[in-house]
Amino acid sequence: MDDDVVNSIANMEDEFEDVGYLEGLEAGKVIGRIEGREMGCDNGLSIGRDLGFYQGWVQQWLRTANVRPGLVPDRVLKKLTALQNAINEVPMANGEGADFGDRLKAIQLKFKTASALLGVNAAAELPNSELSY
């Protein structure tokens, strides 16, 4: 009987570690979800604002090109269309393979290229993004 008491005392530390680990794991999942949701809302707002800017900018130039044919050269129209397509391909839900950073970098590059071809100062038009893409 004394051996049982000694063994149970010796195993108590391991049991408490196991219980503490499992409780910590569950608490971490809850905290991780909360922090992930907050970060997603913050980043989602910034991504949405930036995409909205690029969408409005390219739509206005495409409308202008339709209203005043010849004003925007065909080469620039191709760049504007490529920018519009890149914006349209951004998924509206976050999932595996969404690679928002890479997509936004490509959109930003297309925007800068189209701006340069149009002779528009892109730096003056860029939104104040909090994201570093």
C-alpha atoms as a PDB file:
ATOM      1  CA  MET A   1       0.000   0.000   0.000  1.00  0.00           C
ATOM      2  CA  ASP A   2       2.867   2.363   0.736  1.00  0.00           C
ATOM      3  CA  ASP A   3       4.153   1.759  -2.783  1.00  0.00           C
ATOM      4  CA  ASP A   4       0.799   2.843  -4.220  1.00  0.00           C
ATOM      5  CA  VAL A   5       0.898   6.102  -2.271  1.00  0.00           C
ATOM      6  CA  VAL A   6       4.485   6.809  -3.304  1.00  0.00           C
ATOM      7  CA  ASN A   7       3.725   5.990  -6.941  1.00  0.00           C
ATOM      8  CA  SER A   8       0.612   8.182  -6.992  1.00  0.00           C
ATOM      9  CA  ILE A   9       2.590  11.086  -5.494  1.00  0.00           C
ATOM     10  CA  ALA A  10       5.375  10.571  -8.027  1.00  0.00           C
ATOM     11  CA  ASN A  11       2.877  10.473 -10.920  1.00  0.00           C
ATOM     12  CA  MET A  12       0.955  13.498  -9.639  1.00  0.00           C
ATOM     13  CA  GLU A  13       3.371  15.985 -11.232  1.00  0.00           C
ATOM     14  CA  ASP A  14       3.044  14.289 -14.630  1.00  0.00           C
ATOM     15  CA  GLU A  15      -0.743  14.235 -14.336  1.00  0.00           C
ATOM     16  CA  PHE A  16      -0.860  17.933 -13.439  1.00  0.00           C
ATOM     17  CA  GLU A  17       1.431  18.747 -16.379  1.00  0.00           C
ATOM     18  CA  ASP A  18      -0.818  16.801 -18.746  1.00  0.00           C
ATOM     19  CA  VAL A  19      -3.967  18.474 -17.423  1.00  0.00           C
ATOM     20  CA  GLY A  20      -2.311  21.911 -17.511  1.00  0.00           C
ATOM     21  CA  TYR A  21      -1.106  21.337 -21.066  1.00  0.00           C
ATOM     22  CA  LEU A  22      -4.585  20.378 -22.282  1.00  0.00           C
ATOM     23  CA  GLU A  23      -6.205  23.327 -20.484  1.00  0.00           C
ATOM     24  CA  GLY A  24      -3.584  25.693 -21.931  1.00  0.00           C
ATOM     25  CA  LEU A  25      -4.136  24.285 -25.399  1.00  0.00           C
ATOM     26  CA  GLU A  26      -7.882  24.910 -25.189  1.00  0.00           C
ATOM     27  CA  ALA A  27      -7.393  28.418 -23.776  1.00  0.00           C
ATOM     28  CA  GLY A  28      -4.888  29.163 -26.552  1.00  0.00           C
ATOM     29  CA  LYS A  29      -7.402  28.140 -29.211  1.00  0.00           C
ATOM     30  CA  VAL A  30      -9.987  30.549 -27.814  1.00  0.00           C
ATOM     31  CA  ILE A  31      -7.517  33.425 -27.499  1.00  0.00           C
ATOM     32  CA  GLY A  32      -6.093  32.672 -30.956  1.00  0.00           C
ATOM     33  CA  ARG A  33      -9.553  32.862 -32.523  1.00  0.00           C
ATOM     34  CA  ILE A  34     -10.237  36.202 -30.846  1.00  0.00           C
ATOM     35  CA  GLU A  35      -6.879  37.679 -31.876  1.00  0.00           C
ATOM     36  CA  GLY A  36      -7.223  36.259 -35.403  1.00  0.00           C
ATOM     37  CA  ARG A  37     -10.682  37.764 -35.779  1.00  0.00           C
ATOM     38  CA  GLU A  38      -9.461  41.171 -34.606  1.00  0.00           C
ATOM     39  CA  MET A  39      -6.458  41.065 -36.943  1.00  0.00           C
ATOM     40  CA  GLY A  40      -8.672  39.881 -39.808  1.00  0.00           C
ATOM     41  CA  CYS A  41     -11.083  42.762 -39.277  1.00  0.00           C
ATOM     42  CA  ASP A  42      -8.269  45.310 -39.179  1.00  0.00           C
ATOM     43  CA  ASN A  43      -6.488  43.921 -42.236  1.00  0.00           C
ATOM     44  CA  GLY A  44      -9.748  43.246 -44.050  1.00  0.00           C
ATOM     45  CA  LEU A  45     -10.717  46.889 -43.665  1.00  0.00           C
ATOM     46  CA  SER A  46      -7.384  48.054 -45.079  1.00  0.00           C
ATOM     47  CA  ILE A  47      -7.499  45.566 -47.950  1.00  0.00           C
ATOM     48  CA  GLY A  48     -11.078  46.532 -48.775  1.00  0.00           C
ATOM     49  CA  ARG A  49     -10.285  50.235 -48.713  1.00  0.00           C
ATOM     50  CA  ASP A  50      -7.289  49.778 -50.999  1.00  0.00           C
ATOM     51  CA  LEU A  51      -9.163  47.511 -53.398  1.00  0.00           C
ATOM     52  CA  GLY A  52     -12.037  49.985 -53.474  1.00  0.00           C
ATOM     53  CA  PHE A  53      -9.654  52.781 -54.400  1.00  0.00           C
ATOM     54  CA  TYR A  54      -8.066  50.792 -57.224  1.00  0.00           C
ATOM     55  CA  GLN A  55     -11.479  49.601 -58.433  1.00  0.00           C
ATOM     56  CA  GLY A  56     -12.903  53.126 -58.540  1.00  0.00           C
ATOM     57  CA  TRP A  57      -9.757  54.507 -60.187  1.00  0.00           C
ATOM     58  CA  VAL A  58      -9.667  51.923 -62.977  1.00  0.00           C
ATOM     59  CA  GLN A  59     -13.433  52.098 -63.565  1.00  0.00           C
ATOM     60  CA  GLN A  60     -13.262  55.861 -63.986  1.00  0.00           C
ATOM     61  CA  TRP A  61     -10.456  55.614 -66.519  1.00  0.00           C
ATOM     62  CA  LEU A  62     -12.292  52.876 -68.440  1.00  0.00           C
ATOM     63  CA  ARG A  63     -15.471  55.011 -68.479  1.00  0.00           C
ATOM     64  CA  THR A  64     -13.476  57.979 -69.682  1.00  0.00           C
ATOM     65  CA  ALA A  65     -11.977  55.847 -72.451  1.00  0.00           C
ATOM     66  CA  ASN A  66     -15.473  54.766 -73.539  1.00  0.00           C
ATOM     67  CA  VAL A  67     -16.844  58.312 -73.518  1.00  0.00           C
ATOM     68  CA  ARG A  68     -13.844  59.815 -75.310  1.00  0.00           C
ATOM     69  CA  PRO A  69     -12.479  57.244 -77.754  1.00  0.00           C
ATOM     70  CA  GLY A  70      -8.863  57.857 -78.674  1.00  0.00           C
ATOM     71  CA  LEU A  71      -8.092  59.693 -75.439  1.00  0.00           C
ATOM     72  CA  VAL A  72      -6.595  56.578 -73.857  1.00  0.00           C
ATOM     73  CA  PRO A  73      -4.207  54.653 -76.139  1.00  0.00           C
ATOM     74  CA  ASP A  74      -4.891  50.950 -76.774  1.00  0.00           C
ATOM     75  CA  ARG A  75      -1.699  49.980 -74.947  1.00  0.00           C
ATOM     76  CA  VAL A  76      -2.945  51.752 -71.826  1.00  0.00           C
ATOM     77  CA  LEU A  77      -6.425  50.251 -72.211  1.00  0.00           C
ATOM     78  CA  LYS A  78      -4.828  46.792 -72.095  1.00  0.00           C
ATOM     79  CA  LYS A  79      -3.061  47.720 -68.852  1.00  0.00           C
ATOM     80  CA  LEU A  80      -6.282  49.115 -67.390  1.00  0.00           C
ATOM     81  CA  THR A  81      -8.164  45.965 -68.365  1.00  0.00           C
ATOM     82  CA  ALA A  82      -5.431  43.808 -66.813  1.00  0.00           C
ATOM     83  CA  LEU A  83      -5.720  45.869 -63.620  1.00  0.00           C
ATOM     84  CA  GLN A  84      -9.505  45.459 -63.617  1.00  0.00           C
ATOM     85  CA  ASN A  85      -9.151  41.700 -64.098  1.00  0.00           C
ATOM     86  CA  ALA A  86      -6.615  41.433 -61.274  1.00  0.00           C
ATOM     87  CA  ILE A  87      -8.994  43.280 -58.955  1.00  0.00           C
ATOM     88  CA  ASN A  88     -11.909  41.062 -59.982  1.00  0.00           C
ATOM     89  CA  GLU A  89      -9.876  37.913 -59.255  1.00  0.00           C
ATOM     90  CA  VAL A  90      -9.284  38.802 -55.601  1.00  0.00           C
ATOM     91  CA  PRO A  91     -11.385  36.382 -53.542  1.00  0.00           C
ATOM     92  CA  MET A  92     -13.906  37.945 -51.222  1.00  0.00           C
ATOM     93  CA  ALA A  93     -13.381  35.242 -48.594  1.00  0.00           C
ATOM     94  CA  ASN A  94     -10.207  34.289 -46.816  1.00  0.00           C
ATOM     95  CA  GLY A  95      -9.266  30.722 -47.504  1.00  0.00           C
ATOM     96  CA  GLU A  96      -6.287  28.620 -48.330  1.00  0.00           C
ATOM     97  CA  GLY A  97      -4.430  29.950 -51.325  1.00  0.00           C
ATOM     98  CA  ALA A  98      -5.993  33.393 -51.072  1.00  0.00           C
ATOM     99  CA  ASP A  99      -2.462  34.932 -51.075  1.00  0.00           C
ATOM    100  CA  PHE A 100      -3.792  38.452 -50.595  1.00  0.00           C
ATOM    101  CA  GLY A 101      -0.333  39.944 -50.222  1.00  0.00           C
ATOM    102  CA  ASP A 102       0.868  38.702 -53.597  1.00  0.00           C
ATOM    103  CA  ARG A 103      -2.364  39.698 -55.315  1.00  0.00           C
ATOM    104  CA  LEU A 104      -2.299  43.179 -53.820  1.00  0.00           C
ATOM    105  CA  LYS A 105       1.333  43.668 -54.818  1.00  0.00           C
ATOM    106  CA  ALA A 106       0.454  42.711 -58.396  1.00  0.00           C
ATOM    107  CA  ILE A 107      -2.495  45.115 -58.373  1.00  0.00           C
ATOM    108  CA  GLN A 108      -0.346  47.909 -56.991  1.00  0.00           C
ATOM    109  CA  LEU A 109       2.274  47.289 -59.687  1.00  0.00           C
ATOM    110  CA  LYS A 110      -0.366  47.313 -62.436  1.00  0.00           C
ATOM    111  CA  PHE A 111      -1.771  50.525 -60.990  1.00  0.00           C
ATOM    112  CA  LYS A 112       1.627  52.208 -60.980  1.00  0.00           C
ATOM    113  CA  THR A 113       2.296  51.075 -64.548  1.00  0.00           C
ATOM    114  CA  ALA A 114      -1.063  52.350 -65.788  1.00  0.00           C
ATOM    115  CA  SER A 115      -0.592  55.610 -63.893  1.00  0.00           C
ATOM    116  CA  ALA A 116       2.807  56.147 -65.471  1.00  0.00           C
ATOM    117  CA  LEU A 117       1.468  55.425 -68.956  1.00  0.00           C
ATOM    118  CA  LEU A 118      -1.360  57.901 -68.380  1.00  0.00           C
ATOM    119  CA  GLY A 119       1.046  60.511 -67.032  1.00  0.00           C
ATOM    120  CA  VAL A 120      -0.746  60.568 -63.686  1.00  0.00           C
ATOM    121  CA  ASN A 121       1.224  61.044 -60.473  1.00  0.00           C
ATOM    122  CA  ALA A 122       0.496  57.708 -58.796  1.00  0.00           C
ATOM    123  CA  ALA A 123       2.084  58.756 -55.516  1.00  0.00           C
ATOM    124  CA  ALA A 124      -0.441  61.566 -55.155  1.00  0.00           C
ATOM    125  CA  GLU A 125      -3.347  59.201 -55.792  1.00  0.00           C
ATOM    126  CA  LEU A 126      -2.343  56.215 -53.683  1.00  0.00           C
ATOM    127  CA  PRO A 127      -4.414  55.642 -50.561  1.00  0.00           C
ATOM    128  CA  ASN A 128      -2.609  55.806 -47.245  1.00  0.00           C
ATOM    129  CA  SER A 129      -2.323  52.069 -46.805  1.00  0.00           C
ATOM    130  CA  GLU A 130      -1.431  50.542 -43.471  1.00  0.00           C
ATOM    131  CA  LEU A 131      -0.411  47.361 -45.233  1.00  0.00           C
ATOM    132  CA  SER A 132       3.059  46.705 -46.543  1.00  0.00           C
ATOM    133  CA  TYR A 133       2.545  44.943 -49.835  1.00  0.00           C
END
